[in-house]
Amino acid sequence: MAEHIVNLHVERLPEGCYLATSDEVPGLVAQGRTLAETLEIARDVAKRLMEAQVERGDVRGVSPLEERFDHPLVVSA
């Protein structure tokens, strides 16, 4: 399977955990105790949902990975 870029919306909930969703992959919802855990769960969920999309022949909204792209970097100081 090819690599793709999936844009996530991540928010920190009042309980202190993180929630990730995506407009590009319907059904993608991931929650974790840390940002790293949430992103790991989101990656797994996105992969499974995208595999299901491919099986159904529906791959709209997912961008293939390009040679260059922007990526936010979270740094604790």
N, C-alpha and C. Protein backbone atom coordinates (compact mmCIF):
# COMPACT_ATOMS: atom_id res chain seq x y z
N MET A 1 0.84 -1.18 0.00
CA MET A 1 0.00 0.00 0.00
C MET A 1 0.89 1.24 0.00
N ALA A 2 0.51 2.23 -0.76
CA ALA A 2 1.27 3.48 -0.85
C ALA A 2 1.08 4.32 0.40
N GLU A 3 2.03 5.21 0.66
CA GLU A 3 1.91 6.12 1.79
C GLU A 3 1.07 7.32 1.40
N HIS A 4 0.28 7.82 2.34
CA HIS A 4 -0.60 8.95 2.11
C HIS A 4 -0.50 9.94 3.26
N ILE A 5 -0.87 11.16 2.99
CA ILE A 5 -0.95 12.18 4.03
C ILE A 5 -2.41 12.32 4.44
N VAL A 6 -2.67 12.22 5.72
CA VAL A 6 -4.01 12.40 6.26
C VAL A 6 -3.94 13.55 7.26
N ASN A 7 -4.67 14.61 7.00
CA ASN A 7 -4.71 15.74 7.93
C ASN A 7 -5.63 15.42 9.10
N LEU A 8 -5.11 15.65 10.31
CA LEU A 8 -5.86 15.39 11.52
C LEU A 8 -6.23 16.69 12.21
N HIS A 9 -7.35 16.66 12.89
CA HIS A 9 -7.74 17.73 13.81
C HIS A 9 -7.51 17.13 15.20
N VAL A 10 -6.63 17.74 15.98
CA VAL A 10 -6.32 17.23 17.31
C VAL A 10 -6.68 18.28 18.34
N GLU A 11 -7.38 17.86 19.37
CA GLU A 11 -7.71 18.78 20.46
C GLU A 11 -7.43 18.12 21.80
N ARG A 12 -7.02 18.95 22.73
CA ARG A 12 -6.82 18.46 24.10
C ARG A 12 -8.12 18.65 24.84
N LEU A 13 -8.64 17.57 25.38
CA LEU A 13 -9.91 17.60 26.08
C LEU A 13 -9.71 18.07 27.53
N PRO A 14 -10.77 18.59 28.15
CA PRO A 14 -10.66 19.06 29.53
C PRO A 14 -10.14 17.99 30.50
N GLU A 15 -10.37 16.73 30.19
CA GLU A 15 -9.91 15.63 31.03
C GLU A 15 -8.40 15.43 30.93
N GLY A 16 -7.76 16.12 29.97
CA GLY A 16 -6.32 16.01 29.79
C GLY A 16 -5.88 15.07 28.69
N CYS A 17 -6.80 14.30 28.13
CA CYS A 17 -6.45 13.40 27.03
C CYS A 17 -6.61 14.14 25.70
N TYR A 18 -6.22 13.48 24.62
CA TYR A 18 -6.27 14.08 23.29
C TYR A 18 -7.27 13.32 22.41
N LEU A 19 -7.90 14.06 21.51
CA LEU A 19 -8.87 13.48 20.57
C LEU A 19 -8.47 13.90 19.16
N ALA A 20 -8.38 12.93 18.25
CA ALA A 20 -8.03 13.20 16.85
C ALA A 20 -9.15 12.72 15.94
N THR A 21 -9.50 13.57 14.97
CA THR A 21 -10.47 13.22 13.93
C THR A 21 -9.92 13.71 12.59
N SER A 22 -10.57 13.31 11.51
CA SER A 22 -10.13 13.73 10.18
C SER A 22 -11.33 13.89 9.26
N ASP A 23 -11.34 14.99 8.51
CA ASP A 23 -12.37 15.19 7.50
C ASP A 23 -12.10 14.32 6.27
N GLU A 24 -10.85 13.93 6.08
CA GLU A 24 -10.45 13.18 4.89
C GLU A 24 -10.73 11.68 4.98
N VAL A 25 -10.77 11.16 6.20
CA VAL A 25 -11.03 9.73 6.39
C VAL A 25 -12.26 9.62 7.29
N PRO A 26 -13.44 9.51 6.70
CA PRO A 26 -14.66 9.40 7.50
C PRO A 26 -14.58 8.25 8.49
N GLY A 27 -14.98 8.54 9.72
CA GLY A 27 -14.98 7.52 10.76
C GLY A 27 -13.72 7.50 11.60
N LEU A 28 -12.70 8.28 11.22
CA LEU A 28 -11.47 8.29 11.99
C LEU A 28 -11.68 9.09 13.27
N VAL A 29 -11.62 8.39 14.39
CA VAL A 29 -11.69 9.00 15.72
C VAL A 29 -10.70 8.24 16.58
N ALA A 30 -9.77 8.98 17.20
CA ALA A 30 -8.76 8.34 18.04
C ALA A 30 -8.59 9.17 19.30
N GLN A 31 -8.45 8.50 20.43
CA GLN A 31 -8.27 9.18 21.70
C GLN A 31 -7.14 8.50 22.46
N GLY A 32 -6.27 9.31 23.07
CA GLY A 32 -5.17 8.76 23.84
C GLY A 32 -4.80 9.65 25.00
N ARG A 33 -4.00 9.10 25.90
CA ARG A 33 -3.56 9.86 27.08
C ARG A 33 -2.53 10.91 26.73
N THR A 34 -1.71 10.63 25.71
CA THR A 34 -0.68 11.58 25.28
C THR A 34 -0.87 11.86 23.80
N LEU A 35 -0.22 12.92 23.32
CA LEU A 35 -0.29 13.25 21.90
C LEU A 35 0.30 12.11 21.07
N ALA A 36 1.44 11.59 21.50
CA ALA A 36 2.09 10.50 20.76
C ALA A 36 1.19 9.27 20.68
N GLU A 37 0.57 8.91 21.79
CA GLU A 37 -0.33 7.76 21.81
C GLU A 37 -1.53 8.00 20.89
N THR A 38 -2.07 9.19 20.91
CA THR A 38 -3.22 9.53 20.07
C THR A 38 -2.86 9.43 18.60
N LEU A 39 -1.68 9.94 18.22
CA LEU A 39 -1.25 9.88 16.82
C LEU A 39 -1.01 8.44 16.38
N GLU A 40 -0.46 7.62 17.27
CA GLU A 40 -0.24 6.21 16.95
C GLU A 40 -1.57 5.49 16.71
N ILE A 41 -2.54 5.74 17.57
CA ILE A 41 -3.87 5.14 17.41
C ILE A 41 -4.52 5.65 16.13
N ALA A 42 -4.41 6.96 15.87
CA ALA A 42 -5.00 7.55 14.66
C ALA A 42 -4.39 6.92 13.40
N ARG A 43 -3.09 6.69 13.42
CA ARG A 43 -2.43 6.07 12.26
C ARG A 43 -2.99 4.68 12.01
N ASP A 44 -3.17 3.90 13.06
CA ASP A 44 -3.70 2.54 12.93
C ASP A 44 -5.15 2.57 12.43
N VAL A 45 -5.96 3.45 13.01
CA VAL A 45 -7.36 3.56 12.59
C VAL A 45 -7.44 4.02 11.13
N ALA A 46 -6.64 5.03 10.76
CA ALA A 46 -6.65 5.53 9.38
C ALA A 46 -6.26 4.42 8.40
N LYS A 47 -5.24 3.65 8.75
CA LYS A 47 -4.80 2.56 7.87
C LYS A 47 -5.93 1.56 7.64
N ARG A 48 -6.60 1.17 8.73
CA ARG A 48 -7.68 0.20 8.59
C ARG A 48 -8.86 0.76 7.79
N LEU A 49 -9.20 2.01 8.05
CA LEU A 49 -10.32 2.63 7.31
C LEU A 49 -9.96 2.80 5.83
N MET A 50 -8.72 3.18 5.55
CA MET A 50 -8.30 3.36 4.15
C MET A 50 -8.24 2.02 3.42
N GLU A 51 -7.82 0.96 4.12
CA GLU A 51 -7.83 -0.37 3.50
C GLU A 51 -9.26 -0.76 3.13
N ALA A 52 -10.21 -0.44 4.00
CA ALA A 52 -11.61 -0.74 3.71
C ALA A 52 -12.11 0.09 2.53
N GLN A 53 -11.67 1.36 2.44
CA GLN A 53 -12.05 2.20 1.31
C GLN A 53 -11.54 1.60 0.00
N VAL A 54 -10.28 1.14 0.01
CA VAL A 54 -9.69 0.55 -1.20
C VAL A 54 -10.47 -0.69 -1.61
N GLU A 55 -10.83 -1.53 -0.64
CA GLU A 55 -11.60 -2.73 -0.94
C GLU A 55 -12.94 -2.38 -1.60
N ARG A 56 -13.53 -1.25 -1.18
CA ARG A 56 -14.80 -0.81 -1.78
C ARG A 56 -14.59 -0.01 -3.06
N GLY A 57 -13.33 0.31 -3.40
CA GLY A 57 -13.05 1.10 -4.59
C GLY A 57 -13.24 2.59 -4.39
N ASP A 58 -13.25 3.05 -3.14
CA ASP A 58 -13.48 4.45 -2.81
C ASP A 58 -12.22 5.03 -2.17
N VAL A 59 -11.42 5.81 -2.92
CA VAL A 59 -10.18 6.38 -2.39
C VAL A 59 -10.15 7.90 -2.49
N ARG A 60 -11.27 8.54 -2.58
CA ARG A 60 -11.29 10.00 -2.69
C ARG A 60 -10.87 10.66 -1.38
N GLY A 61 -10.28 11.85 -1.50
CA GLY A 61 -9.95 12.63 -0.32
C GLY A 61 -8.63 12.30 0.34
N VAL A 62 -7.91 11.31 -0.16
CA VAL A 62 -6.64 10.94 0.44
C VAL A 62 -5.52 11.30 -0.52
N SER A 63 -4.59 12.15 -0.04
CA SER A 63 -3.50 12.63 -0.88
C SER A 63 -2.29 11.69 -0.79
N PRO A 64 -1.70 11.34 -1.94
CA PRO A 64 -0.49 10.53 -1.88
C PRO A 64 0.66 11.35 -1.28
N LEU A 65 1.61 10.66 -0.66
CA LEU A 65 2.76 11.31 -0.06
C LEU A 65 3.64 11.88 -1.17
N GLU A 66 3.95 13.15 -1.08
CA GLU A 66 4.79 13.82 -2.08
C GLU A 66 6.23 13.85 -1.58
N GLU A 67 7.14 14.30 -2.43
CA GLU A 67 8.54 14.42 -2.06
C GLU A 67 8.75 15.48 -0.98
N ARG A 68 7.92 16.55 -1.00
CA ARG A 68 8.04 17.63 -0.03
C ARG A 68 6.67 17.95 0.53
N PHE A 69 6.60 18.20 1.83
CA PHE A 69 5.34 18.57 2.45
C PHE A 69 5.62 19.24 3.78
N ASP A 70 4.66 20.00 4.30
CA ASP A 70 4.79 20.65 5.59
C ASP A 70 4.34 19.70 6.69
N HIS A 71 5.01 19.78 7.81
CA HIS A 71 4.66 18.93 8.95
C HIS A 71 4.93 19.71 10.23
N PRO A 72 3.92 19.84 11.09
CA PRO A 72 4.16 20.55 12.35
C PRO A 72 5.03 19.72 13.29
N LEU A 73 5.86 20.38 14.04
CA LEU A 73 6.72 19.72 15.01
C LEU A 73 6.37 20.24 16.38
N VAL A 74 6.00 19.34 17.28
CA VAL A 74 5.65 19.72 18.65
C VAL A 74 6.89 19.57 19.52
N VAL A 75 7.30 20.65 20.19
CA VAL A 75 8.50 20.65 21.01
C VAL A 75 8.16 21.12 22.41
N SER A 76 8.54 20.36 23.41
CA SER A 76 8.35 20.78 24.81
C SER A 76 9.58 21.53 25.25
N ALA A 77 9.38 22.70 25.84
CA ALA A 77 10.52 23.51 26.29
C ALA A 77 10.48 23.70 27.78
